[in-house]
Amino acid sequence: MSKSVRISEEFHAFVAAHNRDDETMEETLRRLVGGPDPSQVAGILSDDTAAAMRDRIDEKTATGVESKRDLRERFE
């Protein structure tokens, strides 16, 4: 599954400037933010732990809407 993310032209230019010839934009972003490759973390959580984490993320998402708006405005 893929998602679209809206970013400023300046941030896109920054990421593109750091993009290596053999990388996709996703791979560049993962490298820049230090995110793990999905294959490296697949299966390390139990189904119960993963479900609990999803629930907690959903809770934080619901309560953090205002802070996300503030953050988004800083990048606009």
PDB file of N, CA and C in Angstrom:
ATOM      1  N   MET A   1       0.850  -1.158   0.000  1.00  0.00           N
ATOM      2  CA  MET A   1       0.000   0.000   0.000  1.00  0.00           C
ATOM      3  C   MET A   1       0.905   1.233   0.000  1.00  0.00           C
ATOM      4  N   SER A   2       0.507   2.253  -0.706  1.00  0.00           N
ATOM      5  CA  SER A   2       1.271   3.494  -0.710  1.00  0.00           C
ATOM      6  C   SER A   2       0.377   4.643  -0.276  1.00  0.00           C
ATOM      7  N   LYS A   3       0.995   5.692   0.214  1.00  0.00           N
ATOM      8  CA  LYS A   3       0.306   6.892   0.670  1.00  0.00           C
ATOM      9  C   LYS A   3       0.963   8.086   0.002  1.00  0.00           C
ATOM     10  N   SER A   4       0.194   9.120  -0.193  1.00  0.00           N
ATOM     11  CA  SER A   4       0.728  10.375  -0.701  1.00  0.00           C
ATOM     12  C   SER A   4       0.998  11.296   0.477  1.00  0.00           C
ATOM     13  N   VAL A   5       2.088  12.027   0.390  1.00  0.00           N
ATOM     14  CA  VAL A   5       2.443  12.976   1.429  1.00  0.00           C
ATOM     15  C   VAL A   5       2.704  14.318   0.758  1.00  0.00           C
ATOM     16  N   ARG A   6       2.058  15.351   1.249  1.00  0.00           N
ATOM     17  CA  ARG A   6       2.256  16.681   0.691  1.00  0.00           C
ATOM     18  C   ARG A   6       3.435  17.330   1.399  1.00  0.00           C
ATOM     19  N   ILE A   7       4.426  17.760   0.615  1.00  0.00           N
ATOM     20  CA  ILE A   7       5.593  18.448   1.163  1.00  0.00           C
ATOM     21  C   ILE A   7       5.849  19.705   0.343  1.00  0.00           C
ATOM     22  N   SER A   8       6.569  20.629   0.930  1.00  0.00           N
ATOM     23  CA  SER A   8       6.875  21.871   0.217  1.00  0.00           C
ATOM     24  C   SER A   8       7.857  21.592  -0.916  1.00  0.00           C
ATOM     25  N   GLU A   9       7.903  22.509  -1.852  1.00  0.00           N
ATOM     26  CA  GLU A   9       8.857  22.386  -2.957  1.00  0.00           C
ATOM     27  C   GLU A   9      10.283  22.426  -2.433  1.00  0.00           C
ATOM     28  N   GLU A  10      10.517  23.232  -1.394  1.00  0.00           N
ATOM     29  CA  GLU A  10      11.862  23.327  -0.823  1.00  0.00           C
ATOM     30  C   GLU A  10      12.304  21.998  -0.215  1.00  0.00           C
ATOM     31  N   PHE A  11      11.393  21.342   0.521  1.00  0.00           N
ATOM     32  CA  PHE A  11      11.757  20.069   1.123  1.00  0.00           C
ATOM     33  C   PHE A  11      11.949  19.000   0.051  1.00  0.00           C
ATOM     34  N   HIS A  12      11.118  19.017  -0.972  1.00  0.00           N
ATOM     35  CA  HIS A  12      11.274  18.070  -2.073  1.00  0.00           C
ATOM     36  C   HIS A  12      12.637  18.267  -2.734  1.00  0.00           C
ATOM     37  N   ALA A  13      13.024  19.518  -2.949  1.00  0.00           N
ATOM     38  CA  ALA A  13      14.329  19.803  -3.550  1.00  0.00           C
ATOM     39  C   ALA A  13      15.460  19.301  -2.651  1.00  0.00           C
ATOM     40  N   PHE A  14      15.297  19.465  -1.339  1.00  0.00           N
ATOM     41  CA  PHE A  14      16.303  18.976  -0.398  1.00  0.00           C
ATOM     42  C   PHE A  14      16.461  17.459  -0.506  1.00  0.00           C
ATOM     43  N   VAL A  15      15.328  16.758  -0.490  1.00  0.00           N
ATOM     44  CA  VAL A  15      15.380  15.295  -0.583  1.00  0.00           C
ATOM     45  C   VAL A  15      15.959  14.876  -1.934  1.00  0.00           C
ATOM     46  N   ALA A  16      15.500  15.518  -3.001  1.00  0.00           N
ATOM     47  CA  ALA A  16      15.994  15.175  -4.342  1.00  0.00           C
ATOM     48  C   ALA A  16      17.502  15.406  -4.445  1.00  0.00           C
ATOM     49  N   ALA A  17      18.004  16.444  -3.782  1.00  0.00           N
ATOM     50  CA  ALA A  17      19.433  16.728  -3.815  1.00  0.00           C
ATOM     51  C   ALA A  17      20.244  15.644  -3.118  1.00  0.00           C
ATOM     52  N   HIS A  18      19.620  14.933  -2.183  1.00  0.00           N
ATOM     53  CA  HIS A  18      20.301  13.868  -1.454  1.00  0.00           C
ATOM     54  C   HIS A  18      20.004  12.479  -2.029  1.00  0.00           C
ATOM     55  N   ASN A  19      19.207  12.442  -3.058  1.00  0.00           N
ATOM     56  CA  ASN A  19      18.820  11.175  -3.688  1.00  0.00           C
ATOM     57  C   ASN A  19      19.999  10.593  -4.459  1.00  0.00           C
ATOM     58  N   ARG A  20      20.323   9.351  -4.176  1.00  0.00           N
ATOM     59  CA  ARG A  20      21.402   8.655  -4.885  1.00  0.00           C
ATOM     60  C   ARG A  20      20.838   8.028  -6.150  1.00  0.00           C
ATOM     61  N   ASP A  21      21.701   7.804  -7.123  1.00  0.00           N
ATOM     62  CA  ASP A  21      21.255   7.289  -8.425  1.00  0.00           C
ATOM     63  C   ASP A  21      20.486   5.977  -8.321  1.00  0.00           C
ATOM     64  N   ASP A  22      20.846   5.148  -7.358  1.00  0.00           N
ATOM     65  CA  ASP A  22      20.220   3.827  -7.246  1.00  0.00           C
ATOM     66  C   ASP A  22      19.063   3.792  -6.240  1.00  0.00           C
ATOM     67  N   GLU A  23      18.632   4.959  -5.745  1.00  0.00           N
ATOM     68  CA  GLU A  23      17.588   5.011  -4.724  1.00  0.00           C
ATOM     69  C   GLU A  23      16.268   5.549  -5.259  1.00  0.00           C
ATOM     70  N   THR A  24      15.190   5.045  -4.680  1.00  0.00           N
ATOM     71  CA  THR A  24      13.885   5.662  -4.877  1.00  0.00           C
ATOM     72  C   THR A  24      13.786   6.809  -3.871  1.00  0.00           C
ATOM     73  N   MET A  25      12.772   7.656  -4.027  1.00  0.00           N
ATOM     74  CA  MET A  25      12.585   8.743  -3.062  1.00  0.00           C
ATOM     75  C   MET A  25      12.314   8.171  -1.662  1.00  0.00           C
ATOM     76  N   GLU A  26      11.567   7.074  -1.597  1.00  0.00           N
ATOM     77  CA  GLU A  26      11.304   6.451  -0.297  1.00  0.00           C
ATOM     78  C   GLU A  26      12.602   6.001   0.353  1.00  0.00           C
ATOM     79  N   GLU A  27      13.470   5.379  -0.415  1.00  0.00           N
ATOM     80  CA  GLU A  27      14.741   4.919   0.143  1.00  0.00           C
ATOM     81  C   GLU A  27      15.585   6.096   0.628  1.00  0.00           C
ATOM     82  N   THR A  28      15.553   7.192  -0.119  1.00  0.00           N
ATOM     83  CA  THR A  28      16.284   8.390   0.305  1.00  0.00           C
ATOM     84  C   THR A  28      15.726   8.921   1.614  1.00  0.00           C
ATOM     85  N   LEU A  29      14.402   9.023   1.713  1.00  0.00           N
ATOM     86  CA  LEU A  29      13.791   9.503   2.955  1.00  0.00           C
ATOM     87  C   LEU A  29      14.113   8.589   4.125  1.00  0.00           C
ATOM     88  N   ARG A  30      14.045   7.288   3.904  1.00  0.00           N
ATOM     89  CA  ARG A  30      14.377   6.337   4.983  1.00  0.00           C
ATOM     90  C   ARG A  30      15.815   6.534   5.445  1.00  0.00           C
ATOM     91  N   ARG A  31      16.718   6.722   4.499  1.00  0.00           N
ATOM     92  CA  ARG A  31      18.115   6.920   4.847  1.00  0.00           C
ATOM     93  C   ARG A  31      18.289   8.223   5.612  1.00  0.00           C
ATOM     94  N   LEU A  32      17.650   9.288   5.155  1.00  0.00           N
ATOM     95  CA  LEU A  32      17.800  10.584   5.801  1.00  0.00           C
ATOM     96  C   LEU A  32      17.221  10.622   7.207  1.00  0.00           C
ATOM     97  N   VAL A  33      16.112   9.938   7.429  1.00  0.00           N
ATOM     98  CA  VAL A  33      15.490   9.967   8.759  1.00  0.00           C
ATOM     99  C   VAL A  33      15.922   8.791   9.625  1.00  0.00           C
ATOM    100  N   GLY A  34      16.674   7.882   9.057  1.00  0.00           N
ATOM    101  CA  GLY A  34      17.172   6.757   9.837  1.00  0.00           C
ATOM    102  C   GLY A  34      16.141   5.676  10.079  1.00  0.00           C
ATOM    103  N   GLY A  35      15.099   5.636   9.266  1.00  0.00           N
ATOM    104  CA  GLY A  35      14.062   4.620   9.424  1.00  0.00           C
ATOM    105  C   GLY A  35      14.564   3.249   9.014  1.00  0.00           C
ATOM    106  N   PRO A  36      14.102   2.219   9.686  1.00  0.00           N
ATOM    107  CA  PRO A  36      14.554   0.866   9.344  1.00  0.00           C
ATOM    108  C   PRO A  36      13.920   0.378   8.048  1.00  0.00           C
ATOM    109  N   ASP A  37      14.602  -0.509   7.387  1.00  0.00           N
ATOM    110  CA  ASP A  37      14.036  -1.191   6.236  1.00  0.00           C
ATOM    111  C   ASP A  37      12.968  -2.144   6.769  1.00  0.00           C
ATOM    112  N   PRO A  38      11.772  -2.154   6.179  1.00  0.00           N
ATOM    113  CA  PRO A  38      10.702  -3.017   6.692  1.00  0.00           C
ATOM    114  C   PRO A  38      11.108  -4.479   6.838  1.00  0.00           C
ATOM    115  N   SER A  39      11.940  -4.975   5.948  1.00  0.00           N
ATOM    116  CA  SER A  39      12.336  -6.384   6.038  1.00  0.00           C
ATOM    117  C   SER A  39      13.186  -6.655   7.279  1.00  0.00           C
ATOM    118  N   GLN A  40      13.802  -5.613   7.829  1.00  0.00           N
ATOM    119  CA  GLN A  40      14.632  -5.785   9.017  1.00  0.00           C
ATOM    120  C   GLN A  40      13.811  -5.881  10.300  1.00  0.00           C
ATOM    121  N   VAL A  41      12.579  -5.386  10.271  1.00  0.00           N
ATOM    122  CA  VAL A  41      11.774  -5.384  11.493  1.00  0.00           C
ATOM    123  C   VAL A  41      10.523  -6.250  11.398  1.00  0.00           C
ATOM    124  N   ALA A  42      10.292  -6.836  10.238  1.00  0.00           N
ATOM    125  CA  ALA A  42       9.091  -7.657  10.053  1.00  0.00           C
ATOM    126  C   ALA A  42       9.116  -8.854  11.004  1.00  0.00           C
ATOM    127  N   GLY A  43       8.012  -9.035  11.706  1.00  0.00           N
ATOM    128  CA  GLY A  43       7.842 -10.213  12.552  1.00  0.00           C
ATOM    129  C   GLY A  43       8.460 -10.129  13.931  1.00  0.00           C
ATOM    130  N   ILE A  44       8.999  -8.982  14.336  1.00  0.00           N
ATOM    131  CA  ILE A  44       9.638  -8.934  15.655  1.00  0.00           C
ATOM    132  C   ILE A  44       8.650  -8.680  16.787  1.00  0.00           C
ATOM    133  N   LEU A  45       7.436  -8.239  16.450  1.00  0.00           N
ATOM    134  CA  LEU A  45       6.418  -8.008  17.466  1.00  0.00           C
ATOM    135  C   LEU A  45       5.359  -9.093  17.418  1.00  0.00           C
ATOM    136  N   SER A  46       4.839  -9.444  18.573  1.00  0.00           N
ATOM    137  CA  SER A  46       3.709 -10.361  18.593  1.00  0.00           C
ATOM    138  C   SER A  46       2.486  -9.626  18.059  1.00  0.00           C
ATOM    139  N   ASP A  47       1.485 -10.375  17.633  1.00  0.00           N
ATOM    140  CA  ASP A  47       0.258  -9.753  17.143  1.00  0.00           C
ATOM    141  C   ASP A  47      -0.387  -8.872  18.213  1.00  0.00           C
ATOM    142  N   ASP A  48      -0.367  -9.329  19.473  1.00  0.00           N
ATOM    143  CA  ASP A  48      -0.950  -8.550  20.566  1.00  0.00           C
ATOM    144  C   ASP A  48      -0.191  -7.239  20.799  1.00  0.00           C
ATOM    145  N   THR A  49       1.132  -7.324  20.779  1.00  0.00           N
ATOM    146  CA  THR A  49       1.939  -6.121  20.976  1.00  0.00           C
ATOM    147  C   THR A  49       1.730  -5.136  19.833  1.00  0.00           C
ATOM    148  N   ALA A  50       1.694  -5.635  18.608  1.00  0.00           N
ATOM    149  CA  ALA A  50       1.479  -4.777  17.446  1.00  0.00           C
ATOM    150  C   ALA A  50       0.108  -4.105  17.527  1.00  0.00           C
ATOM    151  N   ALA A  51      -0.911  -4.855  17.935  1.00  0.00           N
ATOM    152  CA  ALA A  51      -2.258  -4.288  18.062  1.00  0.00           C
ATOM    153  C   ALA A  51      -2.293  -3.210  19.144  1.00  0.00           C
ATOM    154  N   ALA A  52      -1.624  -3.460  20.262  1.00  0.00           N
ATOM    155  CA  ALA A  52      -1.576  -2.470  21.341  1.00  0.00           C
ATOM    156  C   ALA A  52      -0.857  -1.204  20.882  1.00  0.00           C
ATOM    157  N   MET A  53       0.201  -1.373  20.110  1.00  0.00           N
ATOM    158  CA  MET A  53       0.931  -0.212  19.595  1.00  0.00           C
ATOM    159  C   MET A  53       0.067   0.578  18.614  1.00  0.00           C
ATOM    160  N   ARG A  54      -0.653  -0.129  17.746  1.00  0.00           N
ATOM    161  CA  ARG A  54      -1.556   0.545  16.809  1.00  0.00           C
ATOM    162  C   ARG A  54      -2.616   1.348  17.563  1.00  0.00           C
ATOM    163  N   ASP A  55      -3.179   0.733  18.604  1.00  0.00           N
ATOM    164  CA  ASP A  55      -4.195   1.424  19.403  1.00  0.00           C
ATOM    165  C   ASP A  55      -3.629   2.685  20.044  1.00  0.00           C
ATOM    166  N   ARG A  56      -2.430   2.588  20.584  1.00  0.00           N
ATOM    167  CA  ARG A  56      -1.791   3.749  21.219  1.00  0.00           C
ATOM    168  C   ARG A  56      -1.508   4.842  20.194  1.00  0.00           C
ATOM    169  N   ILE A  57      -1.052   4.465  19.023  1.00  0.00           N
ATOM    170  CA  ILE A  57      -0.810   5.441  17.953  1.00  0.00           C
ATOM    171  C   ILE A  57      -2.114   6.126  17.562  1.00  0.00           C
ATOM    172  N   ASP A  58      -3.180   5.349  17.445  1.00  0.00           N
ATOM    173  CA  ASP A  58      -4.483   5.929  17.121  1.00  0.00           C
ATOM    174  C   ASP A  58      -4.924   6.930  18.186  1.00  0.00           C
ATOM    175  N   GLU A  59      -4.691   6.590  19.462  1.00  0.00           N
ATOM    176  CA  GLU A  59      -5.039   7.499  20.555  1.00  0.00           C
ATOM    177  C   GLU A  59      -4.236   8.798  20.451  1.00  0.00           C
ATOM    178  N   LYS A  60      -2.934   8.655  20.223  1.00  0.00           N
ATOM    179  CA  LYS A  60      -2.069   9.829  20.102  1.00  0.00           C
ATOM    180  C   LYS A  60      -2.470  10.670  18.897  1.00  0.00           C
ATOM    181  N   THR A  61      -2.867  10.010  17.820  1.00  0.00           N
ATOM    182  CA  THR A  61      -3.295  10.733  16.624  1.00  0.00           C
ATOM    183  C   THR A  61      -4.532  11.564  16.934  1.00  0.00           C
ATOM    184  N   ALA A  62      -5.458  10.964  17.632  1.00  0.00           N
ATOM    185  CA  ALA A  62      -6.699  11.669  17.962  1.00  0.00           C
ATOM    186  C   ALA A  62      -6.437  12.856  18.885  1.00  0.00           C
ATOM    187  N   THR A  63      -5.513  12.716  19.827  1.00  0.00           N
ATOM    188  CA  THR A  63      -5.260  13.795  20.782  1.00  0.00           C
ATOM    189  C   THR A  63      -4.223  14.799  20.287  1.00  0.00           C
ATOM    190  N   GLY A  64      -3.492  14.462  19.242  1.00  0.00           N
ATOM    191  CA  GLY A  64      -2.426  15.344  18.777  1.00  0.00           C
ATOM    192  C   GLY A  64      -2.759  16.148  17.538  1.00  0.00           C
ATOM    193  N   VAL A  65      -4.042  16.249  17.207  1.00  0.00           N
ATOM    194  CA  VAL A  65      -4.435  16.949  15.989  1.00  0.00           C
ATOM    195  C   VAL A  65      -3.967  18.397  16.004  1.00  0.00           C
ATOM    196  N   GLU A  66      -4.139  19.072  17.125  1.00  0.00           N
ATOM    197  CA  GLU A  66      -3.761  20.488  17.208  1.00  0.00           C
ATOM    198  C   GLU A  66      -2.259  20.672  17.026  1.00  0.00           C
ATOM    199  N   SER A  67      -1.459  19.828  17.665  1.00  0.00           N
ATOM    200  CA  SER A  67      -0.012  19.972  17.518  1.00  0.00           C
ATOM    201  C   SER A  67       0.422  19.677  16.089  1.00  0.00           C
ATOM    202  N   LYS A  68      -0.277  18.773  15.426  1.00  0.00           N
ATOM    203  CA  LYS A  68       0.047  18.489  14.030  1.00  0.00           C
ATOM    204  C   LYS A  68      -0.285  19.684  13.145  1.00  0.00           C
ATOM    205  N   ARG A  69      -1.379  20.355  13.449  1.00  0.00           N
ATOM    206  CA  ARG A  69      -1.729  21.568  12.687  1.00  0.00           C
ATOM    207  C   ARG A  69      -0.642  22.623  12.852  1.00  0.00           C
ATOM    208  N   ASP A  70      -0.188  22.811  14.101  1.00  0.00           N
ATOM    209  CA  ASP A  70       0.874  23.787  14.362  1.00  0.00           C
ATOM    210  C   ASP A  70       2.138  23.429  13.593  1.00  0.00           C
ATOM    211  N   LEU A  71       2.517  22.165  13.612  1.00  0.00           N
ATOM    212  CA  LEU A  71       3.707  21.716  12.904  1.00  0.00           C
ATOM    213  C   LEU A  71       3.558  21.928  11.401  1.00  0.00           C
ATOM    214  N   ARG A  72       2.389  21.583  10.861  1.00  0.00           N
ATOM    215  CA  ARG A  72       2.137  21.757   9.433  1.00  0.00           C
ATOM    216  C   ARG A  72       2.255  23.221   9.045  1.00  0.00           C
ATOM    217  N   GLU A  73       1.715  24.104   9.880  1.00  0.00           N
ATOM    218  CA  GLU A  73       1.762  25.539   9.582  1.00  0.00           C
ATOM    219  C   GLU A  73       3.198  26.054   9.555  1.00  0.00           C
ATOM    220  N   ARG A  74       4.069  25.486  10.393  1.00  0.00           N
ATOM    221  CA  ARG A  74       5.468  25.911  10.395  1.00  0.00           C
ATOM    222  C   ARG A  74       6.159  25.586   9.083  1.00  0.00           C
ATOM    223  N   PHE A  75       5.700  24.560   8.381  1.00  0.00           N
ATOM    224  CA  PHE A  75       6.330  24.154   7.118  1.00  0.00           C
ATOM    225  C   PHE A  75       5.670  24.773   5.905  1.00  0.00           C
ATOM    226  N   GLU A  76       4.570  25.469   6.090  1.00  0.00           N
ATOM    227  CA  GLU A  76       3.882  26.082   4.950  1.00  0.00           C
ATOM    228  C   GLU A  76       4.445  27.436   4.629  1.00  0.00           C
TER     229      GLU A  76
END
